[in-house]
Amino acid sequence: MLIRARLLMLVLAPLPSLVAAQAPAPVAKAFRADATDKARNLIAAAEEMPAGDYGFKPTPAQMSFAQVVVHLAQGNDFLCGAIGGVKAPARTTVADTASKEALVARLRETFTFCDNALASLDDSKLGEEVPFFGGRMMTRAAVMTITTGDWADHYSQSAIYLRLKGHLPPTAKKP
């Protein structure tokens, strides 16, 4: 009986690690889903704002709508590159004075880069240190959390700008 119990333990002992190795990466999967959702909303907000209102800012101290779009595009390249462990492609500068079409195209382009950079992301390297702004190093998980918060913050900002100009933000529209 004791021999059978030990034999059973030997056979079953590796199962938890085998299951863990085959389990999907729930954090990376959730992050990618959130990135897709935020990209859709932020691009839709950029499309919703009329071209003539891209220079709008509620107060002199705030960024204009165009500056928010440029900021997001630059941040996407840096943050998604750091999270995915890949270098963003070299891009020509798109100024906040560029056309709405150019700004929306750049935002789309950087979210496409995010999709590609995050495609192979898994949970096994969430504790690794990656570059962050100011030359600091942070864990990949921390940068992922900051990025999600940044996208939410800028969507909220964009939604307020849209409402102040008399437009409904994408998430306020009925499907």
Protein backbone atom coordinates (compact mmCIF):
# COMPACT_ATOMS: atom_id res chain seq x y z
CA MET A 1 0.00 0.00 0.00
CA LEU A 2 2.81 2.40 0.89
CA ILE A 3 4.61 1.60 -2.36
CA ARG A 4 1.44 2.34 -4.35
CA ALA A 5 0.94 5.65 -2.56
CA ARG A 6 4.54 6.70 -3.28
CA LEU A 7 4.24 5.62 -6.88
CA LEU A 8 1.02 7.61 -7.22
CA MET A 9 2.74 10.67 -5.72
CA LEU A 10 5.60 10.34 -8.19
CA VAL A 11 3.19 10.15 -11.10
CA LEU A 12 0.99 13.04 -9.92
CA ALA A 13 3.70 15.36 -8.58
CA PRO A 14 4.53 17.02 -11.93
CA LEU A 15 0.88 17.67 -12.83
CA PRO A 16 0.55 21.13 -11.21
CA SER A 17 3.58 22.44 -13.07
CA LEU A 18 2.38 20.88 -16.33
CA VAL A 19 -1.03 22.50 -15.91
CA ALA A 20 0.56 25.84 -15.05
CA ALA A 21 2.84 25.63 -18.09
CA GLN A 22 -0.11 25.00 -20.36
CA ALA A 23 -2.50 27.50 -18.76
CA PRO A 24 -3.16 30.69 -20.69
CA ALA A 25 -1.49 33.88 -19.47
CA PRO A 26 -4.45 35.60 -17.82
CA VAL A 27 -2.69 38.90 -17.05
CA ALA A 28 -1.19 39.32 -20.50
CA LYS A 29 -4.45 38.24 -22.12
CA ALA A 30 -6.42 40.79 -20.05
CA PHE A 31 -3.89 43.52 -20.85
CA ARG A 32 -4.07 42.82 -24.60
CA ALA A 33 -7.88 42.89 -24.46
CA ASP A 34 -7.77 46.20 -22.61
CA ALA A 35 -5.29 47.61 -25.12
CA THR A 36 -7.62 46.65 -27.96
CA ASP A 37 -10.61 48.22 -26.19
CA LYS A 38 -8.76 51.43 -25.32
CA ALA A 39 -7.35 51.71 -28.84
CA ARG A 40 -10.83 51.42 -30.34
CA ASN A 41 -12.21 54.12 -28.00
CA LEU A 42 -9.29 56.52 -28.31
CA ILE A 43 -9.22 56.27 -32.10
CA ALA A 44 -13.01 56.72 -32.26
CA ALA A 45 -12.72 59.81 -30.03
CA ALA A 46 -10.03 61.23 -32.32
CA GLU A 47 -12.28 60.58 -35.31
CA GLU A 48 -15.30 62.13 -33.58
CA MET A 49 -13.65 65.47 -32.81
CA PRO A 50 -14.10 67.82 -35.78
CA ALA A 51 -10.86 68.91 -37.43
CA GLY A 52 -11.58 72.52 -36.57
CA ASP A 53 -11.63 71.68 -32.86
CA TYR A 54 -8.29 69.88 -32.68
CA GLY A 55 -6.73 73.06 -31.27
CA PHE A 56 -9.36 73.23 -28.49
CA LYS A 57 -8.25 73.17 -24.88
CA PRO A 58 -10.62 73.94 -22.02
CA THR A 59 -8.11 76.17 -20.20
CA PRO A 60 -4.74 77.63 -21.19
CA ALA A 61 -2.95 75.23 -18.82
CA GLN A 62 -4.37 72.12 -20.47
CA MET A 63 -3.23 70.28 -23.59
CA SER A 64 -5.15 70.85 -26.79
CA PHE A 65 -7.02 67.89 -28.22
CA ALA A 66 -4.31 67.56 -30.89
CA GLN A 67 -1.61 67.57 -28.19
CA VAL A 68 -3.41 64.73 -26.41
CA VAL A 69 -3.40 62.68 -29.64
CA VAL A 70 0.32 63.36 -30.20
CA HIS A 71 1.08 62.52 -26.57
CA LEU A 72 -0.79 59.22 -26.84
CA ALA A 73 1.00 58.26 -30.04
CA GLN A 74 4.42 58.98 -28.56
CA GLY A 75 3.54 57.17 -25.35
CA ASN A 76 2.23 54.14 -27.22
CA ASP A 77 5.52 53.65 -29.01
CA PHE A 78 7.56 53.92 -25.83
CA LEU A 79 5.25 52.03 -23.45
CA CYS A 80 4.23 49.19 -25.75
CA GLY A 81 7.82 48.82 -26.88
CA ALA A 82 9.01 48.54 -23.28
CA ILE A 83 6.25 46.13 -22.30
CA GLY A 84 6.72 43.95 -25.38
CA GLY A 85 10.50 44.12 -25.26
CA VAL A 86 10.71 45.48 -28.81
CA LYS A 87 11.95 48.71 -30.31
CA ALA A 88 9.38 51.01 -31.86
CA PRO A 89 9.96 51.82 -35.52
CA ALA A 90 11.59 55.13 -36.35
CA ARG A 91 8.84 57.56 -37.25
CA THR A 92 8.84 61.06 -38.64
CA THR A 93 7.52 63.60 -36.17
CA VAL A 94 3.86 64.50 -36.48
CA ALA A 95 3.30 67.87 -34.82
CA ASP A 96 0.12 68.83 -33.02
CA THR A 97 -0.44 71.33 -35.84
CA ALA A 98 -0.73 68.52 -38.42
CA SER A 99 -4.07 67.73 -40.02
CA LYS A 100 -6.66 65.66 -38.20
CA GLU A 101 -6.14 62.93 -40.79
CA ALA A 102 -2.39 62.80 -40.11
CA LEU A 103 -2.91 62.74 -36.35
CA VAL A 104 -5.55 60.00 -36.47
CA ALA A 105 -3.38 57.98 -38.86
CA ARG A 106 -0.42 58.24 -36.48
CA LEU A 107 -2.56 57.21 -33.51
CA ARG A 108 -3.81 54.17 -35.47
CA GLU A 109 -0.24 53.35 -36.51
CA THR A 110 0.99 53.36 -32.91
CA PHE A 111 -1.87 51.21 -31.68
CA THR A 112 -1.07 48.75 -34.49
CA PHE A 113 2.49 48.74 -33.18
CA CYS A 114 1.09 48.02 -29.71
CA ASP A 115 -0.89 45.04 -31.08
CA ASN A 116 2.27 43.62 -32.64
CA ALA A 117 4.53 44.41 -29.67
CA LEU A 118 2.12 42.82 -27.19
CA ALA A 119 1.27 39.74 -29.29
CA SER A 120 3.83 37.48 -27.64
CA LEU A 121 3.46 38.93 -24.14
CA ASP A 122 2.91 36.28 -21.48
CA ASP A 123 2.81 36.22 -17.70
CA SER A 124 6.21 34.59 -17.24
CA LYS A 125 8.17 37.85 -17.40
CA LEU A 126 5.93 40.27 -15.51
CA GLY A 127 8.58 40.77 -12.84
CA GLU A 128 11.36 41.68 -15.28
CA GLU A 129 12.67 45.23 -15.19
CA VAL A 130 12.00 47.30 -18.32
CA PRO A 131 12.90 50.91 -19.18
CA PHE A 132 10.54 53.64 -18.10
CA PHE A 133 10.49 57.40 -18.53
CA GLY A 134 13.30 59.35 -16.95
CA GLY A 135 15.78 56.51 -17.34
CA ARG A 136 14.13 54.58 -14.52
CA MET A 137 13.55 50.85 -14.55
CA MET A 138 10.25 49.33 -13.48
CA THR A 139 8.75 45.87 -13.61
CA ARG A 140 6.90 44.98 -16.77
CA ALA A 141 3.75 44.51 -14.67
CA ALA A 142 4.08 48.03 -13.23
CA VAL A 143 4.48 49.56 -16.70
CA MET A 144 1.44 47.60 -17.89
CA THR A 145 -0.61 48.98 -15.00
CA ILE A 146 0.59 52.53 -15.63
CA THR A 147 -0.19 52.19 -19.33
CA THR A 148 -3.75 51.01 -18.69
CA GLY A 149 -4.28 53.94 -16.34
CA ASP A 150 -2.78 56.37 -18.85
CA TRP A 151 -5.08 55.20 -21.63
CA ALA A 152 -8.11 55.48 -19.34
CA ASP A 153 -7.03 58.95 -18.20
CA HIS A 154 -6.62 60.22 -21.75
CA TYR A 155 -9.87 58.68 -22.92
CA SER A 156 -11.65 60.45 -20.08
CA GLN A 157 -9.89 63.68 -21.04
CA SER A 158 -10.90 63.21 -24.69
CA ALA A 159 -14.48 62.43 -23.70
CA ILE A 160 -14.69 65.65 -21.68
CA TYR A 161 -13.24 67.68 -24.56
CA LEU A 162 -15.79 66.13 -26.92
CA ARG A 163 -18.68 66.89 -24.56
CA LEU A 164 -17.49 70.48 -24.09
CA LYS A 165 -17.65 70.85 -27.88
CA GLY A 166 -21.15 69.32 -28.04
CA HIS A 167 -20.24 65.78 -29.14
CA LEU A 168 -20.88 62.45 -27.48
CA PRO A 169 -17.81 60.37 -26.74
CA PRO A 170 -17.77 56.91 -28.35
CA THR A 171 -18.64 55.02 -25.17
CA ALA A 172 -21.69 57.23 -24.55
CA LYS A 173 -23.26 56.36 -27.90
CA LYS A 174 -25.78 53.57 -28.12
CA PRO A 175 -24.51 50.52 -29.99
